[in-house]
Amino acid sequence: MQRHDPRRSDAVRDHRFFWEQNSASIGASIDMAAATTQPVPGIASPLRLSAAPPQYRLPPPALGAHTRAVLAGVLGMDAAQIDELARAGVIYAPMPSA
């Protein structure tokens, strides 16, 4: 069985929307600063409110940024169980930075 890498999945990262010339020209796409060196493309709010324009304060989280917290908090898994899932390639959960 091949190890699945969700970072390379077309279902997760379908960039066709962002390649459309019209998406940027009509304000449907945005570039957000991210923790990486490159901006992250995003979909802009469809609402056009002149008195209260949308504010994009935070970029999307990095892949796996909340995996450990969700598995521990929601499912009650301990660190050893989460590490085993990560080693088996079932989840992508980078080790927390110290």
C-alpha atoms as a PDB file:
ATOM      1  CA  MET A   1       0.000   0.000   0.000  1.00  0.00           C
ATOM      2  CA  GLN A   2       1.347   3.418  -0.942  1.00  0.00           C
ATOM      3  CA  ARG A   3       1.652   6.093   1.670  1.00  0.00           C
ATOM      4  CA  HIS A   4      -0.822   8.906   0.977  1.00  0.00           C
ATOM      5  CA  ASP A   5       0.499  12.449   1.185  1.00  0.00           C
ATOM      6  CA  PRO A   6      -2.459  14.860   1.531  1.00  0.00           C
ATOM      7  CA  ARG A   7      -0.185  17.803   0.672  1.00  0.00           C
ATOM      8  CA  ARG A   8      -0.003  16.446  -2.880  1.00  0.00           C
ATOM      9  CA  SER A   9      -3.670  15.561  -3.255  1.00  0.00           C
ATOM     10  CA  ASP A  10      -5.578  17.226  -6.090  1.00  0.00           C
ATOM     11  CA  ALA A  11      -8.717  17.067  -3.967  1.00  0.00           C
ATOM     12  CA  VAL A  12      -7.070  19.143  -1.247  1.00  0.00           C
ATOM     13  CA  ARG A  13      -5.156  21.557  -3.479  1.00  0.00           C
ATOM     14  CA  ASP A  14      -7.209  22.147  -6.611  1.00  0.00           C
ATOM     15  CA  HIS A  15      -5.645  25.354  -7.926  1.00  0.00           C
ATOM     16  CA  ARG A  16      -7.756  25.635 -11.093  1.00  0.00           C
ATOM     17  CA  PHE A  17      -9.898  28.321  -9.455  1.00  0.00           C
ATOM     18  CA  PHE A  18      -6.837  30.500  -8.928  1.00  0.00           C
ATOM     19  CA  TRP A  19      -5.590  30.015 -12.488  1.00  0.00           C
ATOM     20  CA  GLU A  20      -8.772  31.461 -13.923  1.00  0.00           C
ATOM     21  CA  GLN A  21      -8.039  34.955 -15.185  1.00  0.00           C
ATOM     22  CA  ASN A  22     -11.432  36.232 -14.065  1.00  0.00           C
ATOM     23  CA  SER A  23     -11.130  35.154 -10.430  1.00  0.00           C
ATOM     24  CA  ALA A  24      -8.535  37.828  -9.624  1.00  0.00           C
ATOM     25  CA  SER A  25     -10.040  40.515 -11.830  1.00  0.00           C
ATOM     26  CA  ILE A  26     -13.431  40.303 -10.103  1.00  0.00           C
ATOM     27  CA  GLY A  27     -11.897  40.088  -6.628  1.00  0.00           C
ATOM     28  CA  ALA A  28     -12.838  36.443  -6.063  1.00  0.00           C
ATOM     29  CA  SER A  29      -9.338  35.400  -5.016  1.00  0.00           C
ATOM     30  CA  ILE A  30      -6.859  36.857  -2.563  1.00  0.00           C
ATOM     31  CA  ASP A  31      -3.267  36.211  -1.544  1.00  0.00           C
ATOM     32  CA  MET A  32      -2.668  35.957   2.190  1.00  0.00           C
ATOM     33  CA  ALA A  33       0.635  36.169   4.006  1.00  0.00           C
ATOM     34  CA  ALA A  34       1.507  32.845   5.600  1.00  0.00           C
ATOM     35  CA  ALA A  35       4.110  31.291   7.842  1.00  0.00           C
ATOM     36  CA  THR A  36       5.771  29.979   4.696  1.00  0.00           C
ATOM     37  CA  THR A  37       7.850  32.126   2.401  1.00  0.00           C
ATOM     38  CA  GLN A  38       5.150  32.337  -0.261  1.00  0.00           C
ATOM     39  CA  PRO A  39       1.678  33.874  -0.041  1.00  0.00           C
ATOM     40  CA  VAL A  40      -1.202  31.412   0.220  1.00  0.00           C
ATOM     41  CA  PRO A  41      -4.015  31.776  -2.329  1.00  0.00           C
ATOM     42  CA  GLY A  42      -7.480  32.057  -0.836  1.00  0.00           C
ATOM     43  CA  ILE A  43     -11.051  32.628  -1.866  1.00  0.00           C
ATOM     44  CA  ALA A  44     -12.310  36.129  -1.124  1.00  0.00           C
ATOM     45  CA  SER A  45     -15.586  36.835   0.589  1.00  0.00           C
ATOM     46  CA  PRO A  46     -18.410  37.155  -1.937  1.00  0.00           C
ATOM     47  CA  LEU A  47     -19.972  39.914   0.161  1.00  0.00           C
ATOM     48  CA  ARG A  48     -19.329  43.447  -1.057  1.00  0.00           C
ATOM     49  CA  LEU A  49     -20.302  45.708   1.825  1.00  0.00           C
ATOM     50  CA  SER A  50     -18.961  49.235   1.462  1.00  0.00           C
ATOM     51  CA  ALA A  51     -19.457  50.165   5.127  1.00  0.00           C
ATOM     52  CA  ALA A  52     -17.963  46.936   6.458  1.00  0.00           C
ATOM     53  CA  PRO A  53     -15.560  45.341   3.966  1.00  0.00           C
ATOM     54  CA  PRO A  54     -14.235  41.899   4.924  1.00  0.00           C
ATOM     55  CA  GLN A  55     -10.957  41.760   6.801  1.00  0.00           C
ATOM     56  CA  TYR A  56      -8.588  38.874   6.263  1.00  0.00           C
ATOM     57  CA  ARG A  57      -6.651  38.768   9.522  1.00  0.00           C
ATOM     58  CA  LEU A  58      -5.244  35.271   9.672  1.00  0.00           C
ATOM     59  CA  PRO A  59      -3.931  32.944   6.985  1.00  0.00           C
ATOM     60  CA  PRO A  60      -5.204  29.374   6.881  1.00  0.00           C
ATOM     61  CA  PRO A  61      -3.355  27.052   9.265  1.00  0.00           C
ATOM     62  CA  ALA A  62      -0.513  24.934   7.949  1.00  0.00           C
ATOM     63  CA  LEU A  63      -1.355  21.336   7.095  1.00  0.00           C
ATOM     64  CA  GLY A  64      -1.509  19.324  10.296  1.00  0.00           C
ATOM     65  CA  ALA A  65      -1.247  22.367  12.555  1.00  0.00           C
ATOM     66  CA  HIS A  66      -4.235  21.330  14.680  1.00  0.00           C
ATOM     67  CA  THR A  67      -4.238  17.562  14.148  1.00  0.00           C
ATOM     68  CA  ARG A  68      -2.648  16.674  17.484  1.00  0.00           C
ATOM     69  CA  ALA A  69      -4.879  19.038  19.457  1.00  0.00           C
ATOM     70  CA  VAL A  70      -8.058  17.727  17.798  1.00  0.00           C
ATOM     71  CA  LEU A  71      -7.164  14.055  18.242  1.00  0.00           C
ATOM     72  CA  ALA A  72      -6.205  14.622  21.871  1.00  0.00           C
ATOM     73  CA  GLY A  73      -9.055  16.973  22.772  1.00  0.00           C
ATOM     74  CA  VAL A  74     -11.944  15.473  20.822  1.00  0.00           C
ATOM     75  CA  LEU A  75     -11.008  11.781  20.695  1.00  0.00           C
ATOM     76  CA  GLY A  76      -8.994  11.633  23.915  1.00  0.00           C
ATOM     77  CA  MET A  77      -5.953  10.093  22.244  1.00  0.00           C
ATOM     78  CA  ASP A  78      -2.612  10.292  24.019  1.00  0.00           C
ATOM     79  CA  ALA A  79       0.665  11.378  22.407  1.00  0.00           C
ATOM     80  CA  ALA A  80       1.837   7.785  21.842  1.00  0.00           C
ATOM     81  CA  GLN A  81      -1.326   6.898  19.894  1.00  0.00           C
ATOM     82  CA  ILE A  82      -1.047  10.029  17.768  1.00  0.00           C
ATOM     83  CA  ASP A  83       2.656   9.371  17.113  1.00  0.00           C
ATOM     84  CA  GLU A  84       1.816   5.831  15.979  1.00  0.00           C
ATOM     85  CA  LEU A  85      -0.790   7.121  13.502  1.00  0.00           C
ATOM     86  CA  ALA A  86       1.749   9.632  12.166  1.00  0.00           C
ATOM     87  CA  ARG A  87       4.474   6.963  11.816  1.00  0.00           C
ATOM     88  CA  ALA A  88       2.026   4.719   9.933  1.00  0.00           C
ATOM     89  CA  GLY A  89       1.211   7.569   7.543  1.00  0.00           C
ATOM     90  CA  VAL A  90      -2.461   7.629   8.555  1.00  0.00           C
ATOM     91  CA  ILE A  91      -2.285  11.291   9.585  1.00  0.00           C
ATOM     92  CA  TYR A  92       0.047  14.196   9.023  1.00  0.00           C
ATOM     93  CA  ALA A  93       0.850  15.624  12.437  1.00  0.00           C
ATOM     94  CA  PRO A  94       4.207  17.359  12.748  1.00  0.00           C
ATOM     95  CA  MET A  95       5.819  17.365  16.154  1.00  0.00           C
ATOM     96  CA  PRO A  96       5.005  20.551  18.092  1.00  0.00           C
ATOM     97  CA  SER A  97       7.816  23.084  18.158  1.00  0.00           C
ATOM     98  CA  ALA A  98       9.495  23.625  21.458  1.00  0.00           C
END
